[in-house]
């Protein structure tokens, strides 16, 4: 699964260039703040296994006005480093590598 280039951002983590993307419009469940925000990361030059990170925050564009912390490049870099330590190989082919950080997420009623 390759990232759509439109809307993706470059980030350099420990000398390696990646692209990351936060979905601009929330999914239905994210819009209602029933499920947390997530973003995807891939190697910029040799995309292979995509990293999908689930945060503990609602999507910033949720429809019910719930406050959310923005996804910052520093958070993306930290997630990339953690995923690499946990076995993510960004240039290897394969299905998405999921990194869950949603333990503190509380869905809206």
N, C-alpha and C. Protein backbone atom coordinates (compact mmCIF):
# COMPACT_ATOMS: atom_id res chain seq x y z
N UNK A 1 0.84 -1.18 0.00
CA UNK A 1 0.00 0.00 0.00
C UNK A 1 0.89 1.24 0.00
N UNK A 2 0.91 1.97 -1.07
CA UNK A 2 1.72 3.18 -1.17
C UNK A 2 0.91 4.40 -0.76
N UNK A 3 1.60 5.36 -0.20
CA UNK A 3 0.95 6.61 0.19
C UNK A 3 0.64 7.45 -1.04
N UNK A 4 -0.44 8.17 -0.98
CA UNK A 4 -0.75 9.14 -2.02
C UNK A 4 0.23 10.29 -1.86
N UNK A 5 0.89 10.68 -2.92
CA UNK A 5 1.88 11.76 -2.82
C UNK A 5 1.25 13.11 -2.46
N UNK A 6 0.07 13.35 -3.01
CA UNK A 6 -0.60 14.62 -2.74
C UNK A 6 -0.95 14.70 -1.26
N UNK A 7 -0.50 15.74 -0.62
CA UNK A 7 -0.79 15.94 0.80
C UNK A 7 0.22 15.29 1.73
N UNK A 8 1.17 14.53 1.18
CA UNK A 8 2.17 13.92 2.06
C UNK A 8 3.30 14.91 2.32
N UNK A 9 3.98 14.71 3.44
CA UNK A 9 5.07 15.60 3.83
C UNK A 9 6.35 14.80 3.99
N UNK A 10 7.45 15.44 3.67
CA UNK A 10 8.76 14.80 3.85
C UNK A 10 9.23 15.02 5.27
N UNK A 11 9.92 14.00 5.77
CA UNK A 11 10.55 14.11 7.07
C UNK A 11 11.84 13.30 7.02
N UNK A 12 12.87 13.82 7.63
CA UNK A 12 14.16 13.11 7.70
C UNK A 12 14.35 12.65 9.14
N UNK A 13 14.48 11.34 9.30
CA UNK A 13 14.68 10.75 10.62
C UNK A 13 16.00 9.99 10.60
N UNK A 14 16.94 10.46 11.39
CA UNK A 14 18.27 9.84 11.49
C UNK A 14 18.91 9.64 10.12
N UNK A 15 18.79 10.65 9.26
CA UNK A 15 19.44 10.62 7.95
C UNK A 15 18.66 9.92 6.85
N UNK A 16 17.52 9.35 7.13
CA UNK A 16 16.71 8.67 6.13
C UNK A 16 15.46 9.50 5.84
N UNK A 17 15.13 9.62 4.55
CA UNK A 17 13.99 10.43 4.14
C UNK A 17 12.74 9.55 4.06
N UNK A 18 11.68 10.01 4.71
CA UNK A 18 10.38 9.34 4.70
C UNK A 18 9.32 10.33 4.23
N UNK A 19 8.17 9.81 3.88
CA UNK A 19 7.01 10.64 3.61
C UNK A 19 5.92 10.20 4.59
N UNK A 20 5.17 11.16 5.10
CA UNK A 20 4.09 10.83 6.02
C UNK A 20 2.85 11.63 5.65
N UNK A 21 1.72 11.09 6.04
CA UNK A 21 0.46 11.72 5.67
C UNK A 21 -0.60 11.46 6.72
N UNK A 22 -1.29 12.51 7.07
CA UNK A 22 -2.46 12.44 7.93
C UNK A 22 -3.66 12.63 7.02
N UNK A 23 -4.62 11.76 7.15
CA UNK A 23 -5.82 11.87 6.32
C UNK A 23 -6.46 13.24 6.56
N UNK A 24 -6.70 14.00 5.49
CA UNK A 24 -7.25 15.35 5.62
C UNK A 24 -8.65 15.37 6.18
N UNK A 25 -9.51 14.54 5.63
CA UNK A 25 -10.87 14.43 6.14
C UNK A 25 -10.97 13.18 6.99
N UNK A 26 -11.61 13.29 8.13
CA UNK A 26 -11.71 12.12 9.00
C UNK A 26 -12.65 11.07 8.42
N UNK A 27 -12.44 9.82 8.80
CA UNK A 27 -13.40 8.78 8.46
C UNK A 27 -14.67 9.06 9.27
N UNK A 28 -15.73 8.33 9.01
CA UNK A 28 -16.98 8.54 9.75
C UNK A 28 -16.76 8.38 11.25
N UNK A 29 -16.08 7.30 11.64
CA UNK A 29 -15.85 7.03 13.06
C UNK A 29 -14.91 8.07 13.68
N UNK A 30 -13.92 8.53 12.91
CA UNK A 30 -13.03 9.58 13.41
C UNK A 30 -13.77 10.91 13.52
N UNK A 31 -14.68 11.18 12.57
CA UNK A 31 -15.44 12.41 12.57
C UNK A 31 -16.32 12.54 13.81
N UNK A 32 -16.84 11.41 14.27
CA UNK A 32 -17.66 11.40 15.48
C UNK A 32 -16.83 11.18 16.74
N UNK A 33 -15.52 11.12 16.58
CA UNK A 33 -14.56 10.89 17.68
C UNK A 33 -14.83 9.56 18.37
N UNK A 34 -15.27 8.57 17.59
CA UNK A 34 -15.45 7.21 18.11
C UNK A 34 -14.17 6.41 17.96
N UNK A 35 -13.31 6.79 17.04
CA UNK A 35 -12.03 6.12 16.87
C UNK A 35 -10.94 7.18 16.76
N UNK A 36 -9.71 6.83 17.14
CA UNK A 36 -8.64 7.82 17.18
C UNK A 36 -8.07 8.15 15.80
N UNK A 37 -7.33 9.22 15.79
CA UNK A 37 -6.63 9.68 14.59
C UNK A 37 -5.46 8.73 14.28
N UNK A 38 -5.15 8.57 13.01
CA UNK A 38 -4.00 7.76 12.62
C UNK A 38 -3.29 8.44 11.46
N UNK A 39 -2.03 8.09 11.27
CA UNK A 39 -1.27 8.61 10.14
C UNK A 39 -0.39 7.50 9.58
N UNK A 40 0.08 7.70 8.36
CA UNK A 40 0.87 6.68 7.68
C UNK A 40 2.23 7.25 7.29
N UNK A 41 3.24 6.37 7.29
CA UNK A 41 4.62 6.76 6.96
C UNK A 41 5.19 5.71 6.02
N UNK A 42 5.98 6.16 5.04
CA UNK A 42 6.69 5.22 4.18
C UNK A 42 8.05 5.79 3.81
N UNK A 43 8.95 4.91 3.38
CA UNK A 43 10.27 5.33 2.90
C UNK A 43 10.06 6.16 1.64
N UNK A 44 10.74 7.28 1.51
CA UNK A 44 10.51 8.19 0.39
C UNK A 44 11.02 7.65 -0.94
N UNK A 45 12.17 6.99 -0.94
CA UNK A 45 12.79 6.56 -2.20
C UNK A 45 12.38 5.15 -2.60
N UNK A 46 12.25 4.26 -1.65
CA UNK A 46 11.93 2.86 -1.91
C UNK A 46 10.75 2.44 -1.05
N UNK A 47 9.53 2.86 -1.41
CA UNK A 47 8.39 2.51 -0.58
C UNK A 47 8.16 1.00 -0.56
N UNK A 48 7.96 0.48 0.60
CA UNK A 48 7.68 -0.94 0.76
C UNK A 48 6.56 -1.10 1.77
N UNK A 49 6.93 -1.52 2.96
CA UNK A 49 5.97 -1.72 4.04
C UNK A 49 5.59 -0.35 4.64
N UNK A 50 4.31 -0.05 4.63
CA UNK A 50 3.83 1.22 5.18
C UNK A 50 3.63 1.09 6.68
N UNK A 51 4.02 2.11 7.40
CA UNK A 51 3.81 2.19 8.84
C UNK A 51 2.50 2.93 9.09
N UNK A 52 1.59 2.33 9.84
CA UNK A 52 0.33 2.97 10.20
C UNK A 52 0.33 3.17 11.72
N UNK A 53 0.28 4.42 12.14
CA UNK A 53 0.36 4.76 13.56
C UNK A 53 -1.01 5.26 14.03
N UNK A 54 -1.55 4.62 15.04
CA UNK A 54 -2.80 5.05 15.65
C UNK A 54 -2.46 5.84 16.91
N UNK A 55 -2.95 7.06 16.99
CA UNK A 55 -2.63 7.93 18.12
C UNK A 55 -3.67 7.78 19.23
N UNK A 56 -3.48 8.53 20.29
CA UNK A 56 -4.46 8.53 21.38
C UNK A 56 -5.32 9.79 21.36
N UNK A 57 -5.34 10.47 20.22
CA UNK A 57 -6.07 11.73 20.06
C UNK A 57 -7.21 11.58 19.05
N UNK A 58 -8.27 12.38 19.17
CA UNK A 58 -9.27 12.41 18.11
C UNK A 58 -8.68 13.10 16.88
N UNK A 59 -9.29 12.87 15.73
CA UNK A 59 -8.83 13.54 14.50
C UNK A 59 -9.01 15.04 14.69
N UNK A 60 -8.02 15.86 14.27
CA UNK A 60 -8.14 17.31 14.45
C UNK A 60 -9.37 17.92 13.77
N UNK A 61 -9.88 17.28 12.73
CA UNK A 61 -11.06 17.80 12.01
C UNK A 61 -12.33 17.05 12.38
N UNK A 62 -12.41 16.55 13.62
CA UNK A 62 -13.62 15.82 14.00
C UNK A 62 -14.81 16.77 13.98
N UNK A 63 -15.99 16.21 13.79
CA UNK A 63 -17.20 17.00 13.55
C UNK A 63 -17.87 17.50 14.82
N UNK A 64 -17.47 16.99 15.96
CA UNK A 64 -18.19 17.37 17.18
C UNK A 64 -17.42 18.40 18.01
N UNK A 65 -16.30 18.88 17.47
CA UNK A 65 -15.55 19.93 18.14
C UNK A 65 -14.70 19.48 19.31
N UNK A 66 -14.39 18.19 19.36
CA UNK A 66 -13.53 17.71 20.44
C UNK A 66 -12.11 18.20 20.22
N UNK A 67 -11.49 18.70 21.25
CA UNK A 67 -10.12 19.21 21.12
C UNK A 67 -9.15 18.07 20.86
N UNK A 68 -8.18 18.35 20.01
CA UNK A 68 -7.18 17.35 19.65
C UNK A 68 -5.81 18.00 19.54
N UNK A 69 -4.81 17.29 19.98
CA UNK A 69 -3.44 17.74 19.79
C UNK A 69 -3.07 17.49 18.33
N UNK A 70 -2.39 18.41 17.67
CA UNK A 70 -2.00 18.18 16.29
C UNK A 70 -0.90 17.11 16.19
N UNK A 71 -0.84 16.45 15.05
CA UNK A 71 0.24 15.50 14.79
C UNK A 71 1.44 16.33 14.33
N UNK A 72 2.49 16.32 15.11
CA UNK A 72 3.68 17.12 14.82
C UNK A 72 4.78 16.26 14.23
N UNK A 73 5.67 16.85 13.45
CA UNK A 73 6.79 16.09 12.91
C UNK A 73 7.63 15.40 13.99
N UNK A 74 7.74 16.00 15.16
CA UNK A 74 8.50 15.36 16.24
C UNK A 74 7.83 14.06 16.67
N UNK A 75 6.50 14.03 16.69
CA UNK A 75 5.77 12.82 17.02
C UNK A 75 5.90 11.76 15.95
N UNK A 76 5.92 12.19 14.70
CA UNK A 76 6.11 11.26 13.58
C UNK A 76 7.50 10.64 13.66
N UNK A 77 8.51 11.47 13.91
CA UNK A 77 9.88 10.97 14.02
C UNK A 77 10.01 9.97 15.17
N UNK A 78 9.39 10.27 16.30
CA UNK A 78 9.43 9.35 17.45
C UNK A 78 8.76 8.02 17.10
N UNK A 79 7.64 8.08 16.39
CA UNK A 79 6.94 6.85 15.99
C UNK A 79 7.79 6.04 15.02
N UNK A 80 8.47 6.69 14.10
CA UNK A 80 9.35 5.99 13.15
C UNK A 80 10.47 5.28 13.90
N UNK A 81 11.10 5.98 14.82
CA UNK A 81 12.19 5.35 15.60
C UNK A 81 11.70 4.15 16.39
N UNK A 82 10.54 4.28 17.02
CA UNK A 82 9.98 3.17 17.79
C UNK A 82 9.62 1.99 16.88
N UNK A 83 9.02 2.26 15.75
CA UNK A 83 8.65 1.20 14.81
C UNK A 83 9.89 0.48 14.29
N UNK A 84 10.94 1.21 14.01
CA UNK A 84 12.19 0.58 13.56
C UNK A 84 12.76 -0.34 14.63
N UNK A 85 12.69 0.10 15.89
CA UNK A 85 13.15 -0.75 17.00
C UNK A 85 12.29 -1.99 17.15
N UNK A 86 11.00 -1.87 16.81
CA UNK A 86 10.07 -3.00 16.95
C UNK A 86 10.02 -3.90 15.72
N UNK A 87 10.85 -3.61 14.72
CA UNK A 87 10.95 -4.53 13.59
C UNK A 87 10.40 -4.06 12.26
N UNK A 88 9.97 -2.82 12.16
CA UNK A 88 9.48 -2.31 10.87
C UNK A 88 10.64 -2.19 9.90
N UNK A 89 10.50 -2.76 8.72
CA UNK A 89 11.50 -2.61 7.66
C UNK A 89 10.83 -1.87 6.50
N UNK A 90 11.03 -0.55 6.42
CA UNK A 90 10.29 0.28 5.48
C UNK A 90 10.52 -0.02 4.01
N UNK A 91 11.66 -0.60 3.64
CA UNK A 91 11.92 -0.86 2.23
C UNK A 91 11.54 -2.29 1.82
N UNK A 92 11.18 -3.13 2.77
CA UNK A 92 10.79 -4.50 2.46
C UNK A 92 9.33 -4.54 2.02
N UNK A 93 9.01 -5.39 1.04
CA UNK A 93 7.61 -5.51 0.65
C UNK A 93 6.81 -6.19 1.76
N UNK A 94 5.54 -5.93 1.80
CA UNK A 94 4.70 -6.58 2.80
C UNK A 94 3.52 -5.72 3.17
N UNK A 95 2.67 -6.28 4.00
CA UNK A 95 1.49 -5.53 4.44
C UNK A 95 1.90 -4.48 5.46
N UNK A 96 0.97 -3.63 5.79
CA UNK A 96 1.24 -2.51 6.69
C UNK A 96 1.70 -2.98 8.07
N UNK A 97 2.59 -2.20 8.65
CA UNK A 97 3.08 -2.43 10.01
C UNK A 97 2.30 -1.48 10.91
N UNK A 98 1.57 -2.01 11.86
CA UNK A 98 0.73 -1.19 12.73
C UNK A 98 1.42 -0.91 14.06
N UNK A 99 1.38 0.35 14.45
CA UNK A 99 1.94 0.78 15.72
C UNK A 99 0.81 1.49 16.47
N UNK A 100 0.35 0.88 17.54
CA UNK A 100 -0.79 1.41 18.28
C UNK A 100 -0.38 2.20 19.50
N UNK A 101 -0.82 3.44 19.53
CA UNK A 101 -0.60 4.32 20.70
C UNK A 101 -1.94 4.85 21.20
N UNK A 102 -3.00 4.08 21.00
CA UNK A 102 -4.34 4.57 21.31
C UNK A 102 -4.83 4.19 22.69
N UNK A 103 -3.94 3.74 23.57
CA UNK A 103 -4.35 3.27 24.88
C UNK A 103 -5.11 4.31 25.69
N UNK A 104 -4.78 5.60 25.57
CA UNK A 104 -5.44 6.62 26.36
C UNK A 104 -6.64 7.25 25.69
N UNK A 105 -7.01 6.77 24.50
CA UNK A 105 -8.12 7.38 23.76
C UNK A 105 -9.46 7.02 24.40
N UNK A 106 -10.30 8.03 24.59
CA UNK A 106 -11.64 7.81 25.12
C UNK A 106 -12.63 8.22 24.05
N UNK A 107 -13.39 7.27 23.49
CA UNK A 107 -14.36 7.62 22.45
C UNK A 107 -15.48 8.51 22.98
N UNK A 108 -16.02 9.33 22.09
CA UNK A 108 -17.16 10.18 22.46
C UNK A 108 -18.42 9.34 22.54
N UNK A 109 -19.36 9.80 23.31
CA UNK A 109 -20.64 9.08 23.45
C UNK A 109 -21.61 9.48 22.38
